Amino acid sequence: MNSWNEARQPLSPPEPDTEKRLRDGTLPAEEDLSTAALRARLESAGRSHLPGALDELHACVLEYFARQLSMRDDPGHLQTTAKNLVWTFWALADLEPVPTETLVELKQMLGVELRAAEDGAREILVTHCLEPLFESRRMAAMFADWEEDRQLRDVYQRALAWGEGFWPQTRGG
């Protein structure tokens, strides 16, 4: 199974208790920023039509990835974070309505990290996040403005060259 297929796996249903605690707002702060809590929020956002649900999701996603990306000195952690970015981009892009602001800010956060990253961390983010994302023309198009950014052009072109080989087979391609 390639990384795109792994990223496109349906989000596993949250534990009933976790989902209830998310709705009630009773998750402790340390649980609130866990991967399981993020997945539960993404899953709930797809079913929720409550006012403010997307705003809460926006804050949760950005806070989660700001914390995870701040630990970029651990290659294993960064690889996991990069893979989590892939499924998060897809989960957000699949929501109705699409939370465009969250996608844009998440993309900007990734761009900041790529600009600041040393070679090893940059390589992890390209191979475990950008390349799998760019296996879809739809996702690659979201990053097209990076072609004009001299600091991001090389990673964009590399991921685009990788992704184009998958476009005939991918959804959105």
N, C-alpha and C. Protein backbone atom coordinates (compact mmCIF):
# COMPACT_ATOMS: atom_id res chain seq x y z
N MET A 1 0.86 -1.18 0.00
CA MET A 1 0.00 0.00 0.00
C MET A 1 0.90 1.23 0.00
N ASN A 2 0.66 2.16 -0.94
CA ASN A 2 1.50 3.35 -0.95
C ASN A 2 0.99 4.38 0.06
N SER A 3 1.77 5.43 0.25
CA SER A 3 1.42 6.42 1.28
C SER A 3 0.11 7.13 0.97
N TRP A 4 -0.20 7.30 -0.32
CA TRP A 4 -1.47 7.96 -0.65
C TRP A 4 -2.64 7.12 -0.16
N ASN A 5 -2.59 5.81 -0.42
CA ASN A 5 -3.67 4.94 0.03
C ASN A 5 -3.77 4.91 1.54
N GLU A 6 -2.62 4.91 2.23
CA GLU A 6 -2.65 4.96 3.68
C GLU A 6 -3.30 6.25 4.16
N ALA A 7 -2.98 7.35 3.50
CA ALA A 7 -3.54 8.65 3.90
C ALA A 7 -5.03 8.71 3.63
N ARG A 8 -5.49 8.00 2.62
CA ARG A 8 -6.90 8.05 2.24
C ARG A 8 -7.76 7.04 3.00
N GLN A 9 -7.13 6.27 3.90
CA GLN A 9 -7.92 5.34 4.70
C GLN A 9 -8.97 6.16 5.45
N PRO A 10 -10.18 5.65 5.58
CA PRO A 10 -11.18 6.40 6.32
C PRO A 10 -10.70 6.62 7.74
N LEU A 11 -11.05 7.77 8.26
CA LEU A 11 -10.70 8.03 9.65
C LEU A 11 -11.42 7.02 10.50
N SER A 12 -10.69 6.45 11.45
CA SER A 12 -11.34 5.48 12.31
C SER A 12 -12.32 6.20 13.22
N PRO A 13 -13.44 5.56 13.51
CA PRO A 13 -14.42 6.23 14.34
C PRO A 13 -13.83 6.51 15.71
N PRO A 14 -14.12 7.69 16.25
CA PRO A 14 -13.60 8.00 17.56
C PRO A 14 -14.26 7.12 18.61
N GLU A 15 -13.56 6.94 19.70
CA GLU A 15 -14.15 6.23 20.81
C GLU A 15 -15.41 6.99 21.23
N PRO A 16 -16.51 6.29 21.53
CA PRO A 16 -17.74 7.00 21.89
C PRO A 16 -17.54 7.99 23.03
N ASP A 17 -16.74 7.61 24.01
CA ASP A 17 -16.51 8.51 25.14
C ASP A 17 -15.77 9.77 24.69
N THR A 18 -14.77 9.61 23.80
CA THR A 18 -14.01 10.75 23.32
C THR A 18 -14.91 11.69 22.53
N GLU A 19 -15.74 11.14 21.65
CA GLU A 19 -16.62 11.99 20.87
C GLU A 19 -17.59 12.74 21.77
N LYS A 20 -18.15 12.08 22.77
CA LYS A 20 -19.07 12.74 23.71
C LYS A 20 -18.35 13.85 24.46
N ARG A 21 -17.13 13.55 24.90
CA ARG A 21 -16.38 14.56 25.65
C ARG A 21 -15.99 15.73 24.76
N LEU A 22 -15.76 15.50 23.46
CA LEU A 22 -15.49 16.59 22.53
C LEU A 22 -16.71 17.49 22.41
N ARG A 23 -17.90 16.86 22.25
CA ARG A 23 -19.14 17.64 22.14
C ARG A 23 -19.40 18.44 23.40
N ASP A 24 -19.14 17.82 24.55
CA ASP A 24 -19.41 18.47 25.83
C ASP A 24 -18.32 19.46 26.23
N GLY A 25 -17.20 19.42 25.53
CA GLY A 25 -16.09 20.31 25.88
C GLY A 25 -15.39 19.90 27.16
N THR A 26 -15.41 18.60 27.50
CA THR A 26 -14.81 18.16 28.77
C THR A 26 -13.52 17.39 28.59
N LEU A 27 -12.88 17.47 27.42
CA LEU A 27 -11.59 16.81 27.26
C LEU A 27 -10.52 17.65 27.96
N PRO A 28 -9.65 17.04 28.74
CA PRO A 28 -8.55 17.79 29.33
C PRO A 28 -7.62 18.32 28.24
N ALA A 29 -6.91 19.38 28.53
CA ALA A 29 -6.05 20.04 27.54
C ALA A 29 -5.04 19.09 26.92
N GLU A 30 -4.40 18.21 27.73
CA GLU A 30 -3.39 17.34 27.15
C GLU A 30 -3.99 16.33 26.18
N GLU A 31 -5.22 15.89 26.41
CA GLU A 31 -5.88 14.98 25.47
C GLU A 31 -6.36 15.75 24.24
N ASP A 32 -6.71 17.00 24.45
CA ASP A 32 -7.28 17.81 23.39
C ASP A 32 -6.34 17.94 22.20
N LEU A 33 -5.03 17.86 22.44
CA LEU A 33 -4.08 18.01 21.34
C LEU A 33 -3.44 16.69 20.96
N SER A 34 -4.07 15.58 21.28
CA SER A 34 -3.55 14.28 20.87
C SER A 34 -4.00 13.99 19.44
N THR A 35 -3.31 13.06 18.82
CA THR A 35 -3.68 12.65 17.46
C THR A 35 -5.09 12.07 17.44
N ALA A 36 -5.42 11.27 18.45
CA ALA A 36 -6.76 10.68 18.50
C ALA A 36 -7.83 11.76 18.62
N ALA A 37 -7.57 12.77 19.41
CA ALA A 37 -8.54 13.86 19.56
C ALA A 37 -8.67 14.64 18.26
N LEU A 38 -7.56 14.86 17.57
CA LEU A 38 -7.62 15.57 16.29
C LEU A 38 -8.45 14.77 15.29
N ARG A 39 -8.20 13.46 15.21
CA ARG A 39 -8.99 12.63 14.29
C ARG A 39 -10.47 12.65 14.67
N ALA A 40 -10.76 12.61 15.95
CA ALA A 40 -12.16 12.65 16.40
C ALA A 40 -12.80 13.98 16.00
N ARG A 41 -12.06 15.07 16.14
CA ARG A 41 -12.61 16.37 15.75
C ARG A 41 -12.86 16.44 14.24
N LEU A 42 -11.93 15.91 13.47
CA LEU A 42 -12.11 15.92 12.01
C LEU A 42 -13.33 15.09 11.63
N GLU A 43 -13.47 13.93 12.25
CA GLU A 43 -14.63 13.07 11.98
C GLU A 43 -15.92 13.75 12.39
N SER A 44 -15.93 14.36 13.55
CA SER A 44 -17.13 15.04 14.05
C SER A 44 -17.49 16.24 13.18
N ALA A 45 -16.48 16.95 12.68
CA ALA A 45 -16.74 18.12 11.85
C ALA A 45 -17.48 17.75 10.58
N GLY A 46 -17.22 16.55 10.07
CA GLY A 46 -17.90 16.09 8.87
C GLY A 46 -19.38 15.83 9.09
N ARG A 47 -19.76 15.57 10.33
CA ARG A 47 -21.16 15.28 10.65
C ARG A 47 -21.85 16.44 11.34
N SER A 48 -21.08 17.37 11.85
CA SER A 48 -21.65 18.44 12.65
C SER A 48 -22.07 19.62 11.78
N HIS A 49 -23.21 20.12 12.06
CA HIS A 49 -23.66 21.33 11.38
C HIS A 49 -23.90 22.42 12.42
N LEU A 50 -23.21 22.31 13.55
CA LEU A 50 -23.36 23.28 14.62
C LEU A 50 -22.59 24.55 14.28
N PRO A 51 -23.16 25.70 14.61
CA PRO A 51 -22.43 26.95 14.39
C PRO A 51 -21.13 26.93 15.20
N GLY A 52 -20.07 27.36 14.59
CA GLY A 52 -18.79 27.43 15.29
C GLY A 52 -17.97 26.16 15.24
N ALA A 53 -18.54 25.06 14.71
CA ALA A 53 -17.80 23.79 14.68
C ALA A 53 -16.54 23.91 13.83
N LEU A 54 -16.63 24.58 12.69
CA LEU A 54 -15.45 24.72 11.83
C LEU A 54 -14.43 25.67 12.45
N ASP A 55 -14.89 26.68 13.19
CA ASP A 55 -13.96 27.58 13.88
C ASP A 55 -13.17 26.82 14.94
N GLU A 56 -13.85 25.96 15.68
CA GLU A 56 -13.18 25.15 16.69
C GLU A 56 -12.20 24.18 16.04
N LEU A 57 -12.61 23.59 14.93
CA LEU A 57 -11.73 22.68 14.22
C LEU A 57 -10.50 23.42 13.71
N HIS A 58 -10.70 24.61 13.19
CA HIS A 58 -9.60 25.45 12.69
C HIS A 58 -8.55 25.66 13.79
N ALA A 59 -9.01 26.09 14.94
CA ALA A 59 -8.09 26.35 16.06
C ALA A 59 -7.39 25.07 16.50
N CYS A 60 -8.12 23.98 16.56
CA CYS A 60 -7.56 22.70 16.99
C CYS A 60 -6.48 22.22 16.02
N VAL A 61 -6.76 22.26 14.74
CA VAL A 61 -5.81 21.79 13.72
C VAL A 61 -4.53 22.62 13.76
N LEU A 62 -4.68 23.93 13.80
CA LEU A 62 -3.49 24.78 13.77
C LEU A 62 -2.67 24.65 15.05
N GLU A 63 -3.32 24.57 16.18
CA GLU A 63 -2.61 24.41 17.44
C GLU A 63 -1.89 23.06 17.49
N TYR A 64 -2.58 22.02 17.05
CA TYR A 64 -1.99 20.68 17.04
C TYR A 64 -0.72 20.66 16.19
N PHE A 65 -0.79 21.16 14.96
CA PHE A 65 0.38 21.08 14.09
C PHE A 65 1.47 22.07 14.48
N ALA A 66 1.13 23.20 15.06
CA ALA A 66 2.16 24.10 15.57
C ALA A 66 2.98 23.38 16.65
N ARG A 67 2.30 22.66 17.52
CA ARG A 67 2.99 21.92 18.57
C ARG A 67 3.81 20.78 17.98
N GLN A 68 3.23 20.01 17.07
CA GLN A 68 3.92 18.85 16.51
C GLN A 68 5.13 19.26 15.68
N LEU A 69 4.99 20.31 14.88
CA LEU A 69 6.09 20.74 14.02
C LEU A 69 7.21 21.43 14.81
N SER A 70 6.91 21.88 16.02
CA SER A 70 7.96 22.50 16.84
C SER A 70 8.97 21.47 17.32
N MET A 71 8.62 20.19 17.21
CA MET A 71 9.52 19.11 17.63
C MET A 71 10.21 18.48 16.42
N ARG A 72 10.70 19.30 15.53
CA ARG A 72 11.25 18.80 14.27
C ARG A 72 12.64 18.18 14.40
N ASP A 73 13.25 18.23 15.61
CA ASP A 73 14.58 17.64 15.79
C ASP A 73 14.53 16.12 15.94
N ASP A 74 13.35 15.56 16.10
CA ASP A 74 13.19 14.11 16.24
C ASP A 74 12.68 13.58 14.90
N PRO A 75 13.54 12.93 14.11
CA PRO A 75 13.12 12.48 12.77
C PRO A 75 11.89 11.56 12.77
N GLY A 76 11.80 10.65 13.72
CA GLY A 76 10.65 9.75 13.78
C GLY A 76 9.37 10.51 14.05
N HIS A 77 9.44 11.44 14.97
CA HIS A 77 8.26 12.26 15.28
C HIS A 77 7.87 13.11 14.06
N LEU A 78 8.86 13.69 13.40
CA LEU A 78 8.57 14.54 12.24
C LEU A 78 7.97 13.72 11.10
N GLN A 79 8.43 12.49 10.93
CA GLN A 79 7.86 11.62 9.90
C GLN A 79 6.38 11.33 10.20
N THR A 80 6.07 11.04 11.44
CA THR A 80 4.68 10.80 11.84
C THR A 80 3.86 12.07 11.64
N THR A 81 4.39 13.20 12.02
CA THR A 81 3.69 14.47 11.85
C THR A 81 3.42 14.75 10.37
N ALA A 82 4.41 14.46 9.52
CA ALA A 82 4.23 14.67 8.07
C ALA A 82 3.10 13.81 7.54
N LYS A 83 3.05 12.55 7.98
CA LYS A 83 1.97 11.65 7.54
C LYS A 83 0.63 12.14 8.08
N ASN A 84 0.62 12.65 9.31
CA ASN A 84 -0.62 13.20 9.86
C ASN A 84 -1.08 14.44 9.09
N LEU A 85 -0.12 15.22 8.60
CA LEU A 85 -0.48 16.36 7.75
C LEU A 85 -1.20 15.90 6.49
N VAL A 86 -0.74 14.81 5.90
CA VAL A 86 -1.36 14.31 4.68
C VAL A 86 -2.82 13.97 4.94
N TRP A 87 -3.09 13.14 5.95
CA TRP A 87 -4.50 12.77 6.18
C TRP A 87 -5.32 13.95 6.63
N THR A 88 -4.70 14.92 7.30
CA THR A 88 -5.46 16.10 7.72
C THR A 88 -5.83 16.96 6.52
N PHE A 89 -4.89 17.18 5.60
CA PHE A 89 -5.22 17.93 4.38
C PHE A 89 -6.39 17.26 3.66
N TRP A 90 -6.33 15.92 3.51
CA TRP A 90 -7.40 15.22 2.82
C TRP A 90 -8.72 15.30 3.58
N ALA A 91 -8.66 15.11 4.88
CA ALA A 91 -9.90 15.16 5.67
C ALA A 91 -10.54 16.54 5.58
N LEU A 92 -9.73 17.58 5.63
CA LEU A 92 -10.27 18.95 5.52
C LEU A 92 -10.83 19.20 4.12
N ALA A 93 -10.11 18.75 3.09
CA ALA A 93 -10.55 18.97 1.72
C ALA A 93 -11.85 18.22 1.41
N ASP A 94 -12.12 17.16 2.16
CA ASP A 94 -13.34 16.37 1.95
C ASP A 94 -14.55 16.88 2.72
N LEU A 95 -14.35 17.84 3.61
CA LEU A 95 -15.48 18.37 4.39
C LEU A 95 -16.37 19.25 3.52
N GLU A 96 -17.63 19.31 3.88
CA GLU A 96 -18.58 20.21 3.23
C GLU A 96 -19.18 21.11 4.29
N PRO A 97 -19.04 22.39 4.22
CA PRO A 97 -18.21 23.12 3.25
C PRO A 97 -16.74 22.95 3.57
N VAL A 98 -15.92 23.08 2.55
CA VAL A 98 -14.48 22.95 2.72
C VAL A 98 -13.98 24.13 3.55
N PRO A 99 -13.27 23.85 4.64
CA PRO A 99 -12.73 24.93 5.47
C PRO A 99 -11.47 25.52 4.82
N THR A 100 -11.68 26.33 3.80
CA THR A 100 -10.60 26.88 2.99
C THR A 100 -9.57 27.62 3.83
N GLU A 101 -10.02 28.42 4.78
CA GLU A 101 -9.11 29.19 5.62
C GLU A 101 -8.16 28.26 6.39
N THR A 102 -8.68 27.16 6.89
CA THR A 102 -7.85 26.22 7.63
C THR A 102 -6.83 25.57 6.70
N LEU A 103 -7.25 25.18 5.51
CA LEU A 103 -6.32 24.60 4.54
C LEU A 103 -5.21 25.58 4.17
N VAL A 104 -5.59 26.84 3.94
CA VAL A 104 -4.60 27.86 3.56
C VAL A 104 -3.61 28.09 4.70
N GLU A 105 -4.10 28.20 5.91
CA GLU A 105 -3.19 28.45 7.04
C GLU A 105 -2.31 27.24 7.33
N LEU A 106 -2.84 26.05 7.15
CA LEU A 106 -2.04 24.85 7.34
C LEU A 106 -0.94 24.78 6.27
N LYS A 107 -1.28 25.14 5.05
CA LYS A 107 -0.29 25.19 3.97
C LYS A 107 0.78 26.24 4.28
N GLN A 108 0.36 27.39 4.79
CA GLN A 108 1.33 28.43 5.15
C GLN A 108 2.25 27.97 6.28
N MET A 109 1.69 27.26 7.25
CA MET A 109 2.48 26.74 8.36
C MET A 109 3.53 25.75 7.82
N LEU A 110 3.12 24.89 6.90
CA LEU A 110 4.04 23.95 6.30
C LEU A 110 5.14 24.69 5.53
N GLY A 111 4.77 25.74 4.82
CA GLY A 111 5.76 26.54 4.10
C GLY A 111 6.78 27.17 5.03
N VAL A 112 6.33 27.71 6.15
CA VAL A 112 7.24 28.30 7.14
C VAL A 112 8.20 27.23 7.66
N GLU A 113 7.68 26.06 7.95
CA GLU A 113 8.52 24.97 8.44
C GLU A 113 9.55 24.55 7.39
N LEU A 114 9.14 24.45 6.15
CA LEU A 114 10.07 24.06 5.09
C LEU A 114 11.16 25.10 4.90
N ARG A 115 10.82 26.37 5.02
CA ARG A 115 11.83 27.42 4.88
C ARG A 115 12.86 27.35 6.01
N ALA A 116 12.40 27.04 7.21
CA ALA A 116 13.26 27.04 8.39
C ALA A 116 14.00 25.73 8.61
N ALA A 117 13.51 24.66 8.00
CA ALA A 117 14.04 23.33 8.28
C ALA A 117 15.45 23.13 7.74
N GLU A 118 16.22 22.37 8.50
CA GLU A 118 17.53 21.94 8.01
C GLU A 118 17.29 20.81 7.01
N ASP A 119 18.33 20.41 6.31
CA ASP A 119 18.18 19.45 5.21
C ASP A 119 17.46 18.17 5.59
N GLY A 120 17.79 17.56 6.72
CA GLY A 120 17.17 16.30 7.12
C GLY A 120 15.67 16.45 7.35
N ALA A 121 15.29 17.49 8.08
CA ALA A 121 13.87 17.73 8.35
C ALA A 121 13.13 18.11 7.07
N ARG A 122 13.76 18.89 6.25
CA ARG A 122 13.15 19.28 4.97
C ARG A 122 12.88 18.05 4.11
N GLU A 123 13.85 17.14 4.08
CA GLU A 123 13.70 15.91 3.29
C GLU A 123 12.50 15.09 3.80
N ILE A 124 12.37 14.99 5.10
CA ILE A 124 11.24 14.24 5.68
C ILE A 124 9.92 14.88 5.28
N LEU A 125 9.83 16.19 5.38
CA LEU A 125 8.57 16.87 5.04
C LEU A 125 8.23 16.72 3.56
N VAL A 126 9.24 16.72 2.71
CA VAL A 126 8.99 16.56 1.27
C VAL A 126 8.54 15.14 0.97
N THR A 127 9.29 14.15 1.45
CA THR A 127 8.99 12.77 1.07
C THR A 127 7.77 12.18 1.78
N HIS A 128 7.48 12.64 2.97
CA HIS A 128 6.37 12.05 3.73
C HIS A 128 5.11 12.91 3.76
N CYS A 129 5.21 14.13 3.23
CA CYS A 129 4.02 14.99 3.20
C CYS A 129 3.74 15.49 1.78
N LEU A 130 4.65 16.29 1.24
CA LEU A 130 4.36 16.90 -0.07
C LEU A 130 4.21 15.88 -1.19
N GLU A 131 5.12 14.93 -1.28
CA GLU A 131 5.02 13.97 -2.38
C GLU A 131 3.71 13.18 -2.32
N PRO A 132 3.32 12.63 -1.17
CA PRO A 132 2.03 11.94 -1.13
C PRO A 132 0.85 12.86 -1.43
N LEU A 133 0.90 14.10 -0.97
CA LEU A 133 -0.18 15.03 -1.29
C LEU A 133 -0.26 15.29 -2.78
N PHE A 134 0.89 15.46 -3.41
CA PHE A 134 0.92 15.82 -4.82
C PHE A 134 0.59 14.64 -5.73
N GLU A 135 0.34 13.48 -5.16
CA GLU A 135 -0.13 12.37 -5.98
C GLU A 135 -1.53 12.65 -6.50
N SER A 136 -2.12 13.74 -6.05
CA SER A 136 -3.40 14.21 -6.56
C SER A 136 -3.21 15.59 -7.19
N ARG A 137 -3.67 15.73 -8.39
CA ARG A 137 -3.61 17.02 -9.08
C ARG A 137 -4.34 18.08 -8.27
N ARG A 138 -5.43 17.69 -7.66
CA ARG A 138 -6.24 18.61 -6.84
C ARG A 138 -5.40 19.21 -5.71
N MET A 139 -4.65 18.37 -5.01
CA MET A 139 -3.82 18.87 -3.92
C MET A 139 -2.63 19.67 -4.44
N ALA A 140 -2.00 19.18 -5.50
CA ALA A 140 -0.85 19.89 -6.06
C ALA A 140 -1.26 21.30 -6.48
N ALA A 141 -2.45 21.45 -7.03
CA ALA A 141 -2.91 22.77 -7.47
C ALA A 141 -3.03 23.75 -6.29
N MET A 142 -3.32 23.23 -5.12
CA MET A 142 -3.44 24.09 -3.94
C MET A 142 -2.11 24.76 -3.60
N PHE A 143 -1.00 24.14 -4.01
CA PHE A 143 0.33 24.64 -3.67
C PHE A 143 1.00 25.35 -4.85
N ALA A 144 0.28 25.60 -5.92
CA ALA A 144 0.87 26.15 -7.15
C ALA A 144 1.60 27.47 -6.93
N ASP A 145 1.16 28.27 -5.98
CA ASP A 145 1.83 29.55 -5.74
C ASP A 145 3.26 29.37 -5.21
N TRP A 146 3.61 28.19 -4.74
CA TRP A 146 4.97 27.94 -4.28
C TRP A 146 5.96 27.95 -5.45
N GLU A 147 5.47 27.79 -6.66
CA GLU A 147 6.33 27.86 -7.84
C GLU A 147 7.01 29.23 -7.93
N GLU A 148 6.35 30.27 -7.43
CA GLU A 148 6.88 31.64 -7.50
C GLU A 148 7.70 32.02 -6.27
N ASP A 149 7.76 31.17 -5.28
CA ASP A 149 8.50 31.43 -4.05
C ASP A 149 9.89 30.81 -4.17
N ARG A 150 10.91 31.64 -4.21
CA ARG A 150 12.25 31.10 -4.47
C ARG A 150 12.72 30.14 -3.39
N GLN A 151 12.20 30.24 -2.17
CA GLN A 151 12.60 29.32 -1.10
C GLN A 151 11.84 27.99 -1.14
N LEU A 152 10.68 27.99 -1.76
CA LEU A 152 9.86 26.77 -1.81
C LEU A 152 9.79 26.15 -3.20
N ARG A 153 10.28 26.86 -4.21
CA ARG A 153 10.19 26.38 -5.58
C ARG A 153 10.78 24.99 -5.76
N ASP A 154 11.96 24.76 -5.18
CA ASP A 154 12.61 23.46 -5.38
C ASP A 154 11.80 22.31 -4.78
N VAL A 155 11.24 22.49 -3.58
CA VAL A 155 10.45 21.40 -2.98
C VAL A 155 9.14 21.21 -3.74
N TYR A 156 8.57 22.32 -4.19
CA TYR A 156 7.34 22.24 -4.98
C TYR A 156 7.58 21.46 -6.27
N GLN A 157 8.63 21.83 -7.01
CA GLN A 157 8.91 21.17 -8.28
C GLN A 157 9.25 19.69 -8.09
N ARG A 158 9.98 19.39 -7.03
CA ARG A 158 10.32 17.99 -6.76
C ARG A 158 9.07 17.18 -6.45
N ALA A 159 8.21 17.69 -5.58
CA ALA A 159 6.98 16.98 -5.22
C ALA A 159 6.04 16.89 -6.42
N LEU A 160 6.00 17.94 -7.24
CA LEU A 160 5.16 17.93 -8.42
C LEU A 160 5.63 16.86 -9.42
N ALA A 161 6.94 16.78 -9.62
CA ALA A 161 7.49 15.76 -10.52
C ALA A 161 7.13 14.36 -10.02
N TRP A 162 7.19 14.17 -8.71
CA TRP A 162 6.81 12.88 -8.12
C TRP A 162 5.32 12.62 -8.36
N GLY A 163 4.51 13.59 -8.02
CA GLY A 163 3.07 13.41 -8.06
C GLY A 163 2.49 13.21 -9.44
N GLU A 164 3.05 13.86 -10.44
CA GLU A 164 2.50 13.76 -11.79
C GLU A 164 2.45 12.33 -12.30
N GLY A 165 3.34 11.49 -11.81
CA GLY A 165 3.34 10.09 -12.21
C GLY A 165 2.12 9.32 -11.71
N PHE A 166 1.40 9.88 -10.76
CA PHE A 166 0.25 9.20 -10.18
C PHE A 166 -1.09 9.76 -10.70
N TRP A 167 -1.07 10.89 -11.35
CA TRP A 167 -2.32 11.56 -11.68
C TRP A 167 -3.34 10.76 -12.47
N PRO A 168 -2.95 9.97 -13.41
CA PRO A 168 -4.00 9.23 -14.13
C PRO A 168 -4.80 8.30 -13.23
N GLN A 169 -4.21 7.82 -12.12
CA GLN A 169 -4.88 6.87 -11.25
C GLN A 169 -5.58 7.50 -10.05
N THR A 170 -5.37 8.76 -9.79
CA THR A 170 -5.87 9.30 -8.53
C THR A 170 -7.19 10.03 -8.67
N ARG A 171 -7.92 9.97 -7.61
CA ARG A 171 -9.16 10.73 -7.47
C ARG A 171 -8.79 12.20 -7.50
N GLY A 172 -9.50 13.00 -8.19
CA GLY A 172 -9.21 14.42 -8.25
C GLY A 172 -8.14 14.74 -9.28
N GLY A 173 -7.60 13.74 -9.95
CA GLY A 173 -6.49 13.95 -10.85
C GLY A 173 -6.87 14.04 -12.27
